[in-house]
Amino acid sequence: MKYEMLPKRSLVFWELLSCLLFGGLIALAWIFLPVSTWIWYGVLWILGALLILSSFLYLPLLYLSVGYCCRGGDIIVKGGVIFYKTRFLKRDKISFVTVYNTPFTPLIHLSMLVITAPGSHLVIPFLESSRADQIADDLNRELAER
């Protein structure tokens, strides 16, 4: 069973969002905390350490751990850093398939695929838009044949 990985573009997008988030938090600390005090230095050191840990450890490990597989009768999504999960969904239980696009989708070409069954749903985040559309078309074709 071969798992497909997310595109590298998703890791770059996660890293960019992480830098923007921590940049905003550092700017808020710069504005609202008195400059050159021990609290200010402590907050900046903590935010810097969290940025380095998330950018160089957590996000790359998350990218390497997330994978999906659309084999014969199942759709399988695995992933997680601290809590590793494997989620299965039988193809014959699928109710509908949706591809979610954001306003940034034309720029970054990443979409989210949501596969829904009675009582559950399976999300495959940050897929290439063309691959998400292809999987959705294949699953919708199977739904129409039933």
N, C-alpha and C. Protein backbone atom coordinates (compact mmCIF):
# COMPACT_ATOMS: atom_id res chain seq x y z
N MET A 1 0.85 -1.17 0.00
CA MET A 1 0.00 0.00 0.00
C MET A 1 0.90 1.24 0.00
N LYS A 2 0.76 2.06 -1.02
CA LYS A 2 1.59 3.25 -1.17
C LYS A 2 0.79 4.49 -0.80
N TYR A 3 1.31 5.23 0.16
CA TYR A 3 0.67 6.48 0.57
C TYR A 3 1.20 7.62 -0.28
N GLU A 4 0.30 8.50 -0.68
CA GLU A 4 0.69 9.71 -1.39
C GLU A 4 0.91 10.81 -0.36
N MET A 5 1.92 11.61 -0.57
CA MET A 5 2.25 12.68 0.36
C MET A 5 1.66 14.00 -0.14
N LEU A 6 1.61 14.96 0.75
CA LEU A 6 1.14 16.29 0.38
C LEU A 6 2.22 16.99 -0.45
N PRO A 7 1.83 17.96 -1.27
CA PRO A 7 2.84 18.69 -2.05
C PRO A 7 3.72 19.56 -1.15
N LYS A 8 4.95 19.81 -1.57
CA LYS A 8 5.87 20.63 -0.79
C LYS A 8 5.34 22.05 -0.60
N ARG A 9 4.48 22.46 -1.50
CA ARG A 9 3.88 23.78 -1.42
C ARG A 9 3.09 23.96 -0.11
N SER A 10 2.53 22.86 0.40
CA SER A 10 1.78 22.94 1.64
C SER A 10 2.70 23.24 2.82
N LEU A 11 3.89 22.66 2.83
CA LEU A 11 4.86 22.95 3.90
C LEU A 11 5.29 24.41 3.83
N VAL A 12 5.54 24.91 2.63
CA VAL A 12 5.93 26.31 2.47
C VAL A 12 4.80 27.21 2.97
N PHE A 13 3.55 26.86 2.67
CA PHE A 13 2.40 27.65 3.11
C PHE A 13 2.30 27.63 4.64
N TRP A 14 2.47 26.46 5.26
CA TRP A 14 2.44 26.36 6.72
C TRP A 14 3.54 27.21 7.35
N GLU A 15 4.75 27.15 6.78
CA GLU A 15 5.87 27.92 7.31
C GLU A 15 5.61 29.42 7.18
N LEU A 16 5.04 29.83 6.07
CA LEU A 16 4.72 31.24 5.87
C LEU A 16 3.68 31.70 6.88
N LEU A 17 2.63 30.90 7.10
CA LEU A 17 1.62 31.26 8.10
C LEU A 17 2.23 31.31 9.50
N SER A 18 3.12 30.41 9.81
CA SER A 18 3.78 30.40 11.11
C SER A 18 4.59 31.67 11.31
N CYS A 19 5.35 32.06 10.30
CA CYS A 19 6.15 33.29 10.41
C CYS A 19 5.27 34.52 10.54
N LEU A 20 4.17 34.57 9.81
CA LEU A 20 3.25 35.70 9.92
C LEU A 20 2.61 35.76 11.30
N LEU A 21 2.21 34.62 11.84
CA LEU A 21 1.60 34.58 13.16
C LEU A 21 2.58 35.05 14.23
N PHE A 22 3.78 34.50 14.22
CA PHE A 22 4.76 34.89 15.24
C PHE A 22 5.25 36.32 15.02
N GLY A 23 5.32 36.77 13.78
CA GLY A 23 5.66 38.17 13.51
C GLY A 23 4.62 39.11 14.09
N GLY A 24 3.34 38.74 13.94
CA GLY A 24 2.27 39.55 14.53
C GLY A 24 2.33 39.56 16.04
N LEU A 25 2.61 38.40 16.65
CA LEU A 25 2.72 38.34 18.11
C LEU A 25 3.91 39.16 18.62
N ILE A 26 5.02 39.12 17.90
CA ILE A 26 6.19 39.91 18.29
C ILE A 26 5.89 41.40 18.14
N ALA A 27 5.17 41.78 17.08
CA ALA A 27 4.78 43.18 16.92
C ALA A 27 3.86 43.64 18.05
N LEU A 28 2.93 42.77 18.46
CA LEU A 28 2.05 43.11 19.59
C LEU A 28 2.85 43.26 20.87
N ALA A 29 3.84 42.40 21.08
CA ALA A 29 4.70 42.52 22.26
C ALA A 29 5.50 43.82 22.21
N TRP A 30 5.94 44.19 21.04
CA TRP A 30 6.72 45.41 20.87
C TRP A 30 5.85 46.64 21.18
N ILE A 31 4.58 46.58 20.79
CA ILE A 31 3.68 47.73 20.98
C ILE A 31 3.19 47.83 22.43
N PHE A 32 2.75 46.70 23.00
CA PHE A 32 2.05 46.76 24.28
C PHE A 32 2.91 46.54 25.51
N LEU A 33 4.10 46.00 25.36
CA LEU A 33 4.95 45.79 26.52
C LEU A 33 6.01 46.89 26.60
N PRO A 34 6.38 47.29 27.80
CA PRO A 34 7.44 48.31 27.91
C PRO A 34 8.76 47.73 27.38
N VAL A 35 9.38 48.47 26.50
CA VAL A 35 10.60 48.02 25.82
C VAL A 35 11.77 47.98 26.81
N SER A 36 12.64 47.01 26.62
CA SER A 36 13.88 46.81 27.39
C SER A 36 13.64 46.48 28.85
N THR A 37 12.56 45.79 29.13
CA THR A 37 12.34 45.27 30.48
C THR A 37 12.50 43.76 30.44
N TRP A 38 12.59 43.13 31.59
CA TRP A 38 12.79 41.69 31.62
C TRP A 38 11.57 40.94 31.06
N ILE A 39 10.38 41.51 31.23
CA ILE A 39 9.17 40.87 30.65
C ILE A 39 9.24 40.91 29.13
N TRP A 40 9.65 42.04 28.60
CA TRP A 40 9.74 42.20 27.15
C TRP A 40 10.74 41.22 26.56
N TYR A 41 11.92 41.13 27.18
CA TYR A 41 12.93 40.18 26.70
C TYR A 41 12.46 38.73 26.86
N GLY A 42 11.80 38.44 27.97
CA GLY A 42 11.29 37.08 28.18
C GLY A 42 10.25 36.69 27.14
N VAL A 43 9.33 37.59 26.83
CA VAL A 43 8.30 37.30 25.82
C VAL A 43 8.94 37.11 24.45
N LEU A 44 9.90 37.98 24.11
CA LEU A 44 10.56 37.84 22.80
C LEU A 44 11.35 36.54 22.70
N TRP A 45 12.04 36.14 23.77
CA TRP A 45 12.77 34.87 23.76
C TRP A 45 11.83 33.68 23.64
N ILE A 46 10.72 33.72 24.36
CA ILE A 46 9.77 32.61 24.30
C ILE A 46 9.14 32.53 22.90
N LEU A 47 8.72 33.66 22.35
CA LEU A 47 8.14 33.64 21.00
C LEU A 47 9.17 33.19 19.96
N GLY A 48 10.41 33.62 20.10
CA GLY A 48 11.46 33.18 19.17
C GLY A 48 11.71 31.69 19.26
N ALA A 49 11.74 31.17 20.49
CA ALA A 49 11.94 29.72 20.66
C ALA A 49 10.78 28.93 20.08
N LEU A 50 9.54 29.41 20.29
CA LEU A 50 8.38 28.72 19.73
C LEU A 50 8.39 28.78 18.20
N LEU A 51 8.81 29.90 17.63
CA LEU A 51 8.90 30.01 16.18
C LEU A 51 9.92 29.02 15.62
N ILE A 52 11.07 28.92 16.26
CA ILE A 52 12.10 27.99 15.79
C ILE A 52 11.64 26.54 15.94
N LEU A 53 11.02 26.21 17.08
CA LEU A 53 10.52 24.84 17.26
C LEU A 53 9.43 24.49 16.26
N SER A 54 8.51 25.42 16.02
CA SER A 54 7.43 25.09 15.08
C SER A 54 7.94 25.05 13.64
N SER A 55 8.81 25.98 13.27
CA SER A 55 9.27 26.04 11.88
C SER A 55 10.25 24.95 11.51
N PHE A 56 11.12 24.56 12.44
CA PHE A 56 12.17 23.61 12.10
C PHE A 56 11.94 22.21 12.64
N LEU A 57 10.95 22.03 13.51
CA LEU A 57 10.72 20.71 14.07
C LEU A 57 9.28 20.24 13.82
N TYR A 58 8.31 20.95 14.36
CA TYR A 58 6.93 20.47 14.33
C TYR A 58 6.35 20.44 12.90
N LEU A 59 6.43 21.54 12.17
CA LEU A 59 5.81 21.58 10.84
C LEU A 59 6.47 20.62 9.84
N PRO A 60 7.80 20.49 9.80
CA PRO A 60 8.37 19.48 8.91
C PRO A 60 7.99 18.05 9.29
N LEU A 61 7.92 17.76 10.61
CA LEU A 61 7.49 16.42 11.03
C LEU A 61 6.03 16.18 10.67
N LEU A 62 5.19 17.19 10.80
CA LEU A 62 3.79 17.06 10.41
C LEU A 62 3.68 16.81 8.91
N TYR A 63 4.45 17.54 8.11
CA TYR A 63 4.43 17.35 6.66
C TYR A 63 4.84 15.93 6.29
N LEU A 64 5.89 15.41 6.94
CA LEU A 64 6.36 14.06 6.63
C LEU A 64 5.39 12.98 7.08
N SER A 65 4.58 13.27 8.11
CA SER A 65 3.70 12.23 8.64
C SER A 65 2.35 12.14 7.93
N VAL A 66 1.91 13.22 7.27
CA VAL A 66 0.59 13.21 6.64
C VAL A 66 0.67 12.52 5.28
N GLY A 67 -0.22 11.56 5.07
CA GLY A 67 -0.30 10.86 3.80
C GLY A 67 -1.70 10.30 3.62
N TYR A 68 -2.03 9.99 2.38
CA TYR A 68 -3.35 9.44 2.09
C TYR A 68 -3.21 8.37 1.02
N CYS A 69 -4.20 7.47 1.00
CA CYS A 69 -4.19 6.36 0.06
C CYS A 69 -5.62 6.07 -0.35
N CYS A 70 -5.86 6.01 -1.64
CA CYS A 70 -7.16 5.64 -2.18
C CYS A 70 -7.01 4.28 -2.85
N ARG A 71 -7.12 3.23 -2.07
CA ARG A 71 -6.97 1.89 -2.63
C ARG A 71 -8.33 1.28 -2.85
N GLY A 72 -8.37 0.03 -3.28
CA GLY A 72 -9.59 -0.67 -3.65
C GLY A 72 -10.87 -0.27 -2.97
N GLY A 73 -11.08 -0.67 -1.73
CA GLY A 73 -12.34 -0.41 -1.07
C GLY A 73 -12.28 0.63 0.02
N ASP A 74 -11.11 1.17 0.30
CA ASP A 74 -10.94 2.10 1.42
C ASP A 74 -10.26 3.38 0.97
N ILE A 75 -10.50 4.42 1.76
CA ILE A 75 -9.73 5.65 1.67
C ILE A 75 -9.08 5.81 3.04
N ILE A 76 -7.77 5.95 3.06
CA ILE A 76 -7.01 5.98 4.31
C ILE A 76 -6.23 7.29 4.38
N VAL A 77 -6.33 7.95 5.54
CA VAL A 77 -5.55 9.16 5.79
C VAL A 77 -4.80 8.94 7.10
N LYS A 78 -3.48 9.16 7.06
CA LYS A 78 -2.67 8.99 8.26
C LYS A 78 -1.94 10.29 8.53
N GLY A 79 -1.59 10.49 9.79
CA GLY A 79 -0.81 11.67 10.11
C GLY A 79 -0.88 12.05 11.56
N GLY A 80 -0.01 12.98 11.92
CA GLY A 80 0.07 13.49 13.28
C GLY A 80 1.49 13.43 13.78
N VAL A 81 1.84 14.35 14.66
CA VAL A 81 3.19 14.37 15.22
C VAL A 81 3.16 13.81 16.62
N ILE A 82 2.39 14.42 17.48
CA ILE A 82 2.31 13.96 18.86
C ILE A 82 1.35 12.79 18.97
N PHE A 83 0.18 12.93 18.39
CA PHE A 83 -0.82 11.87 18.39
C PHE A 83 -1.00 11.41 16.95
N TYR A 84 -0.40 10.30 16.60
CA TYR A 84 -0.46 9.75 15.25
C TYR A 84 -1.79 9.01 15.08
N LYS A 85 -2.52 9.36 14.03
CA LYS A 85 -3.83 8.74 13.78
C LYS A 85 -3.87 8.19 12.36
N THR A 86 -4.59 7.10 12.22
CA THR A 86 -4.90 6.56 10.91
C THR A 86 -6.42 6.47 10.81
N ARG A 87 -6.98 7.12 9.80
CA ARG A 87 -8.43 7.15 9.63
C ARG A 87 -8.81 6.43 8.34
N PHE A 88 -9.81 5.55 8.45
CA PHE A 88 -10.29 4.76 7.32
C PHE A 88 -11.71 5.17 6.99
N LEU A 89 -12.06 5.08 5.71
CA LEU A 89 -13.44 5.26 5.29
C LEU A 89 -13.69 4.32 4.11
N LYS A 90 -14.72 3.50 4.23
CA LYS A 90 -15.06 2.57 3.15
C LYS A 90 -15.69 3.35 1.99
N ARG A 91 -15.32 2.98 0.79
CA ARG A 91 -15.85 3.67 -0.39
C ARG A 91 -17.35 3.47 -0.55
N ASP A 92 -17.86 2.32 -0.16
CA ASP A 92 -19.29 2.08 -0.35
C ASP A 92 -20.15 2.82 0.67
N LYS A 93 -19.55 3.45 1.68
CA LYS A 93 -20.29 4.22 2.69
C LYS A 93 -20.33 5.72 2.38
N ILE A 94 -19.64 6.16 1.35
CA ILE A 94 -19.52 7.59 1.05
C ILE A 94 -20.86 8.16 0.61
N SER A 95 -21.23 9.31 1.21
CA SER A 95 -22.45 10.02 0.82
C SER A 95 -22.18 11.07 -0.24
N PHE A 96 -21.20 11.93 0.04
CA PHE A 96 -20.83 12.93 -0.95
C PHE A 96 -19.40 13.39 -0.72
N VAL A 97 -18.86 14.02 -1.74
CA VAL A 97 -17.47 14.47 -1.74
C VAL A 97 -17.45 15.95 -2.10
N THR A 98 -16.68 16.73 -1.35
CA THR A 98 -16.62 18.17 -1.57
C THR A 98 -15.17 18.62 -1.63
N VAL A 99 -14.89 19.52 -2.54
CA VAL A 99 -13.58 20.16 -2.61
C VAL A 99 -13.76 21.61 -2.16
N TYR A 100 -13.09 21.97 -1.07
CA TYR A 100 -13.17 23.34 -0.56
C TYR A 100 -12.01 24.15 -1.09
N ASN A 101 -12.34 25.32 -1.61
CA ASN A 101 -11.34 26.26 -2.09
C ASN A 101 -11.44 27.54 -1.27
N THR A 102 -10.33 28.18 -1.07
CA THR A 102 -10.29 29.44 -0.33
C THR A 102 -10.02 30.57 -1.31
N PRO A 103 -10.08 31.81 -0.86
CA PRO A 103 -9.70 32.91 -1.76
C PRO A 103 -8.24 32.85 -2.19
N PHE A 104 -7.40 32.12 -1.43
CA PHE A 104 -5.98 32.00 -1.79
C PHE A 104 -5.70 30.83 -2.72
N THR A 105 -6.72 30.02 -3.02
CA THR A 105 -6.52 28.84 -3.87
C THR A 105 -5.93 29.17 -5.24
N PRO A 106 -6.39 30.23 -5.93
CA PRO A 106 -5.75 30.53 -7.22
C PRO A 106 -4.27 30.89 -7.10
N LEU A 107 -3.86 31.41 -5.95
CA LEU A 107 -2.45 31.79 -5.78
C LEU A 107 -1.57 30.61 -5.41
N ILE A 108 -2.05 29.76 -4.50
CA ILE A 108 -1.20 28.69 -3.99
C ILE A 108 -1.56 27.32 -4.54
N HIS A 109 -2.69 27.21 -5.23
CA HIS A 109 -3.13 25.96 -5.87
C HIS A 109 -3.26 24.80 -4.88
N LEU A 110 -3.78 25.09 -3.69
CA LEU A 110 -4.02 24.06 -2.69
C LEU A 110 -5.50 24.07 -2.30
N SER A 111 -6.10 22.90 -2.22
CA SER A 111 -7.50 22.75 -1.85
C SER A 111 -7.63 21.72 -0.75
N MET A 112 -8.81 21.67 -0.14
CA MET A 112 -9.08 20.69 0.90
C MET A 112 -10.20 19.78 0.40
N LEU A 113 -9.98 18.48 0.52
CA LEU A 113 -10.96 17.49 0.09
C LEU A 113 -11.66 16.94 1.33
N VAL A 114 -13.00 17.02 1.34
CA VAL A 114 -13.80 16.49 2.44
C VAL A 114 -14.69 15.39 1.89
N ILE A 115 -14.53 14.20 2.45
CA ILE A 115 -15.32 13.04 2.04
C ILE A 115 -16.25 12.71 3.20
N THR A 116 -17.55 12.72 2.94
CA THR A 116 -18.53 12.57 4.00
C THR A 116 -19.28 11.25 3.86
N ALA A 117 -19.47 10.59 4.98
CA ALA A 117 -20.26 9.36 5.08
C ALA A 117 -21.23 9.56 6.24
N PRO A 118 -22.26 8.74 6.35
CA PRO A 118 -23.18 8.89 7.47
C PRO A 118 -22.45 8.75 8.81
N GLY A 119 -22.47 9.82 9.58
CA GLY A 119 -21.85 9.80 10.90
C GLY A 119 -20.38 10.11 10.93
N SER A 120 -19.76 10.38 9.81
CA SER A 120 -18.33 10.68 9.83
C SER A 120 -17.94 11.48 8.59
N HIS A 121 -16.78 12.06 8.66
CA HIS A 121 -16.19 12.69 7.49
C HIS A 121 -14.67 12.55 7.57
N LEU A 122 -14.06 12.58 6.41
CA LEU A 122 -12.63 12.41 6.29
C LEU A 122 -12.09 13.63 5.54
N VAL A 123 -11.10 14.29 6.11
CA VAL A 123 -10.55 15.50 5.52
C VAL A 123 -9.13 15.23 5.07
N ILE A 124 -8.84 15.59 3.83
CA ILE A 124 -7.46 15.55 3.33
C ILE A 124 -7.09 17.00 3.04
N PRO A 125 -6.28 17.61 3.92
CA PRO A 125 -5.99 19.04 3.77
C PRO A 125 -4.83 19.30 2.81
N PHE A 126 -4.83 20.47 2.22
CA PHE A 126 -3.72 21.00 1.43
C PHE A 126 -3.28 20.10 0.29
N LEU A 127 -4.25 19.58 -0.45
CA LEU A 127 -3.94 18.84 -1.67
C LEU A 127 -3.77 19.81 -2.83
N GLU A 128 -3.03 19.40 -3.83
CA GLU A 128 -3.00 20.20 -5.04
C GLU A 128 -4.42 20.25 -5.60
N SER A 129 -4.81 21.39 -6.13
CA SER A 129 -6.18 21.57 -6.59
C SER A 129 -6.55 20.56 -7.67
N SER A 130 -5.64 20.31 -8.58
CA SER A 130 -5.94 19.36 -9.66
C SER A 130 -6.11 17.94 -9.12
N ARG A 131 -5.28 17.56 -8.16
CA ARG A 131 -5.39 16.21 -7.57
C ARG A 131 -6.67 16.08 -6.74
N ALA A 132 -7.04 17.13 -6.01
CA ALA A 132 -8.28 17.09 -5.24
C ALA A 132 -9.48 16.97 -6.16
N ASP A 133 -9.48 17.70 -7.27
CA ASP A 133 -10.57 17.60 -8.25
C ASP A 133 -10.62 16.21 -8.88
N GLN A 134 -9.46 15.64 -9.16
CA GLN A 134 -9.41 14.31 -9.76
C GLN A 134 -9.97 13.25 -8.81
N ILE A 135 -9.58 13.29 -7.54
CA ILE A 135 -10.10 12.33 -6.56
C ILE A 135 -11.60 12.52 -6.38
N ALA A 136 -12.05 13.77 -6.30
CA ALA A 136 -13.49 14.04 -6.14
C ALA A 136 -14.27 13.55 -7.35
N ASP A 137 -13.76 13.75 -8.56
CA ASP A 137 -14.45 13.27 -9.75
C ASP A 137 -14.54 11.74 -9.77
N ASP A 138 -13.44 11.07 -9.40
CA ASP A 138 -13.46 9.61 -9.36
C ASP A 138 -14.47 9.09 -8.35
N LEU A 139 -14.48 9.68 -7.15
CA LEU A 139 -15.42 9.23 -6.13
C LEU A 139 -16.86 9.57 -6.49
N ASN A 140 -17.09 10.73 -7.09
CA ASN A 140 -18.45 11.08 -7.51
C ASN A 140 -18.94 10.18 -8.64
N ARG A 141 -18.03 9.77 -9.52
CA ARG A 141 -18.39 8.83 -10.58
C ARG A 141 -18.81 7.48 -9.98
N GLU A 142 -18.07 7.04 -8.94
CA GLU A 142 -18.45 5.79 -8.28
C GLU A 142 -19.80 5.93 -7.57
N LEU A 143 -20.07 7.12 -7.00
CA LEU A 143 -21.36 7.35 -6.35
C LEU A 143 -22.50 7.31 -7.36
N ALA A 144 -22.27 7.86 -8.53
CA ALA A 144 -23.32 7.89 -9.56
C ALA A 144 -23.63 6.50 -10.09
N GLU A 145 -22.63 5.62 -10.09
CA GLU A 145 -22.83 4.26 -10.60
C GLU A 145 -23.61 3.39 -9.63
N ARG A 146 -23.62 3.75 -8.35
CA ARG A 146 -24.33 2.94 -7.35
C ARG A 146 -25.81 3.16 -7.40
